[in-house]
Every structure is written in structure tokens, then in C-alpha cells.
C-alpha atoms as a PDB file:
ATOM      1  CA  MET A   1     109.995 151.216  97.261  1.00  0.00           C
ATOM      2  CA  THR A   2     110.485 148.200  99.492  1.00  0.00           C
ATOM      3  CA  LYS A   3     113.425 147.449 101.771  1.00  0.00           C
ATOM      4  CA  LYS A   4     114.622 144.841  99.260  1.00  0.00           C
ATOM      5  CA  GLU A   5     114.479 147.392  96.422  1.00  0.00           C
ATOM      6  CA  LEU A   6     116.376 149.918  98.549  1.00  0.00           C
ATOM      7  CA  ILE A   7     119.125 147.358  99.150  1.00  0.00           C
ATOM      8  CA  GLU A   8     119.292 146.597  95.411  1.00  0.00           C
ATOM      9  CA  GLU A   9     119.679 150.338  94.623  1.00  0.00           C
ATOM     10  CA  ILE A  10     122.573 150.576  97.072  1.00  0.00           C
ATOM     11  CA  ILE A  11     124.250 147.485  95.588  1.00  0.00           C
ATOM     12  CA  ILE A  12     124.038 148.935  92.074  1.00  0.00           C
ATOM     13  CA  ASN A  13     125.000 152.536  92.900  1.00  0.00           C
ATOM     14  CA  GLU A  14     127.684 151.930  95.522  1.00  0.00           C
ATOM     15  CA  ASN A  15     129.207 148.719  94.144  1.00  0.00           C
ATOM     16  CA  ILE A  16     129.121 146.899  97.487  1.00  0.00           C
ATOM     17  CA  SER A  17     128.077 143.361  98.324  1.00  0.00           C
ATOM     18  CA  LYS A  18     124.496 142.432  99.096  1.00  0.00           C
ATOM     19  CA  VAL A  19     125.523 141.378 102.620  1.00  0.00           C
ATOM     20  CA  ASP A  20     127.146 144.763 103.306  1.00  0.00           C
ATOM     21  CA  ALA A  21     124.200 146.689 101.841  1.00  0.00           C
ATOM     22  CA  GLU A  22     121.759 144.696 103.995  1.00  0.00           C
ATOM     23  CA  LYS A  23     123.871 145.377 107.095  1.00  0.00           C
ATOM     24  CA  VAL A  24     123.908 149.119 106.402  1.00  0.00           C
ATOM     25  CA  VAL A  25     120.170 149.366 105.727  1.00  0.00           C
ATOM     26  CA  ASN A  26     119.292 147.230 108.754  1.00  0.00           C
ATOM     27  CA  ARG A  27     121.590 149.278 111.014  1.00  0.00           C
ATOM     28  CA  ILE A  28     120.047 152.550 109.829  1.00  0.00           C
ATOM     29  CA  PHE A  29     116.517 151.307 110.556  1.00  0.00           C
ATOM     30  CA  GLN A  30     117.566 149.846 113.922  1.00  0.00           C
ATOM     31  CA  THR A  31     119.204 153.122 114.932  1.00  0.00           C
ATOM     32  CA  ILE A  32     116.203 155.227 113.912  1.00  0.00           C
ATOM     33  CA  SER A  33     113.860 152.850 115.756  1.00  0.00           C
ATOM     34  CA  LYS A  34     116.025 152.849 118.895  1.00  0.00           C
ATOM     35  CA  HIS A  35     116.082 156.640 119.107  1.00  0.00           C
ATOM     36  CA  LEU A  36     112.336 156.940 118.488  1.00  0.00           C
ATOM     37  CA  ILE A  37     111.612 154.355 121.199  1.00  0.00           C
ATOM     38  CA  GLU A  38     113.764 156.460 123.549  1.00  0.00           C
ATOM     39  CA  GLY A  39     111.586 159.483 122.684  1.00  0.00           C
ATOM     40  CA  LYS A  40     114.249 161.244 120.608  1.00  0.00           C
ATOM     41  CA  GLU A  41     113.751 162.645 117.141  1.00  0.00           C
ATOM     42  CA  VAL A  42     116.082 161.740 114.278  1.00  0.00           C
ATOM     43  CA  SER A  43     116.992 164.514 111.828  1.00  0.00           C
ATOM     44  CA  VAL A  44     118.632 163.955 108.453  1.00  0.00           C
ATOM     45  CA  ALA A  45     119.706 167.268 106.906  1.00  0.00           C
ATOM     46  CA  GLY A  46     118.070 167.908 103.536  1.00  0.00           C
ATOM     47  CA  PHE A  47     115.798 164.880 103.910  1.00  0.00           C
ATOM     48  CA  GLY A  48     113.611 165.304 106.978  1.00  0.00           C
ATOM     49  CA  LYS A  49     113.084 164.116 110.501  1.00  0.00           C
ATOM     50  CA  PHE A  50     111.455 161.199 112.227  1.00  0.00           C
ATOM     51  CA  VAL A  51     109.462 162.257 115.287  1.00  0.00           C
ATOM     52  CA  ILE A  52     107.158 160.759 117.885  1.00  0.00           C
ATOM     53  CA  SER A  53     103.561 161.923 117.729  1.00  0.00           C
ATOM     54  CA  GLU A  54     101.690 161.628 121.023  1.00  0.00           C
ATOM     55  CA  ARG A  55      97.919 161.563 121.401  1.00  0.00           C
ATOM     56  CA  SER A  56      96.208 162.042 124.732  1.00  0.00           C
ATOM     57  CA  SER A  57      93.481 159.706 125.869  1.00  0.00           C
ATOM     58  CA  ARG A  58      90.078 160.671 124.587  1.00  0.00           C
ATOM     59  CA  GLU A  59      86.501 159.546 124.538  1.00  0.00           C
ATOM     60  CA  GLY A  60      85.346 157.532 121.560  1.00  0.00           C
ATOM     61  CA  VAL A  61      82.469 155.353 120.475  1.00  0.00           C
ATOM     62  CA  ASN A  62      82.571 151.612 119.829  1.00  0.00           C
ATOM     63  CA  PRO A  63      81.223 151.383 116.250  1.00  0.00           C
ATOM     64  CA  SER A  64      79.697 147.944 116.876  1.00  0.00           C
ATOM     65  CA  THR A  65      77.735 148.784 120.011  1.00  0.00           C
ATOM     66  CA  GLY A  66      77.542 152.566 120.090  1.00  0.00           C
ATOM     67  CA  GLU A  67      78.951 152.386 123.633  1.00  0.00           C
ATOM     68  CA  LYS A  68      81.169 155.255 124.782  1.00  0.00           C
ATOM     69  CA  ILE A  69      84.723 154.147 125.493  1.00  0.00           C
ATOM     70  CA  ILE A  70      87.985 155.728 126.573  1.00  0.00           C
ATOM     71  CA  ILE A  71      90.730 155.472 123.971  1.00  0.00           C
ATOM     72  CA  PRO A  72      94.076 155.349 125.828  1.00  0.00           C
ATOM     73  CA  ASP A  73      97.118 157.557 125.234  1.00  0.00           C
ATOM     74  CA  SER A  74      99.124 156.482 122.210  1.00  0.00           C
ATOM     75  CA  ARG A  75     102.406 157.228 120.487  1.00  0.00           C
ATOM     76  CA  SER A  76     103.335 156.727 116.857  1.00  0.00           C
ATOM     77  CA  ALA A  77     106.264 157.544 114.599  1.00  0.00           C
ATOM     78  CA  ARG A  78     105.890 160.227 111.947  1.00  0.00           C
ATOM     79  CA  PHE A  79     108.131 161.544 109.202  1.00  0.00           C
ATOM     80  CA  LYS A  80     108.312 165.258 108.456  1.00  0.00           C
ATOM     81  CA  PRO A  81     110.059 165.988 105.143  1.00  0.00           C
ATOM     82  CA  ALA A  82     112.650 168.771 104.977  1.00  0.00           C
ATOM     83  CA  LYS A  83     111.840 171.935 103.048  1.00  0.00           C
ATOM     84  CA  GLN A  84     114.233 170.927 100.233  1.00  0.00           C
ATOM     85  CA  LEU A  85     112.524 167.553  99.813  1.00  0.00           C
ATOM     86  CA  LYS A  86     109.050 169.138  99.822  1.00  0.00           C
ATOM     87  CA  GLU A  87     110.124 171.668  97.198  1.00  0.00           C
ATOM     88  CA  SER A  88     111.672 168.997  94.964  1.00  0.00           C
ATOM     89  CA  LEU A  89     108.336 167.160  94.948  1.00  0.00           C
ATOM     90  CA  MET A  90     106.470 170.181  93.598  1.00  0.00           C
END
């Protein structure tokens, strides 16, 4: 499902304008992003939580040259589904 499709679902199911649905969806994504950037996790009961996954620097190999390189620390966002969501997918 795309962001546009999500907005369309909200318009149909909640009987609100497209402008209002877009505002709500955009605000939700902005808020989740803001908290993740600040290093906080975002939990939604019965759905799951958005967390930051951190990887330490490590040694790697450049596939083009075979040269050993240091891959720097990195952070990425991950989603962990709630138990109820996992079970409903079974």
C-alpha cells in the first residue's frame, strides 16, 4: 500500500476531505520520524513499534577491489510488529 492509497482508504472509511486526510497522514509520519531522529522509539498498542537499530563500525571488503575497508557506524529505522499483529498474519 502506498501513501496515496492509505489516504484514499481514510477518505472512504472516515468520510473526511482529502486535504484533512493528507494532513493527518503527513503529521503521523512527521511525528514518527521526529521521534526516531531523536533516538526515541514509537509504540502503537496492538500494532507494533518503530525503533532505531544501531550497527557498530566493522571491517568489510570493497567488492570491486578486494581491499579491506572500515564500514562506519550506522543507524536505521526498523518496525517490530506487536504480538497481536503477528498472530493475525498467521
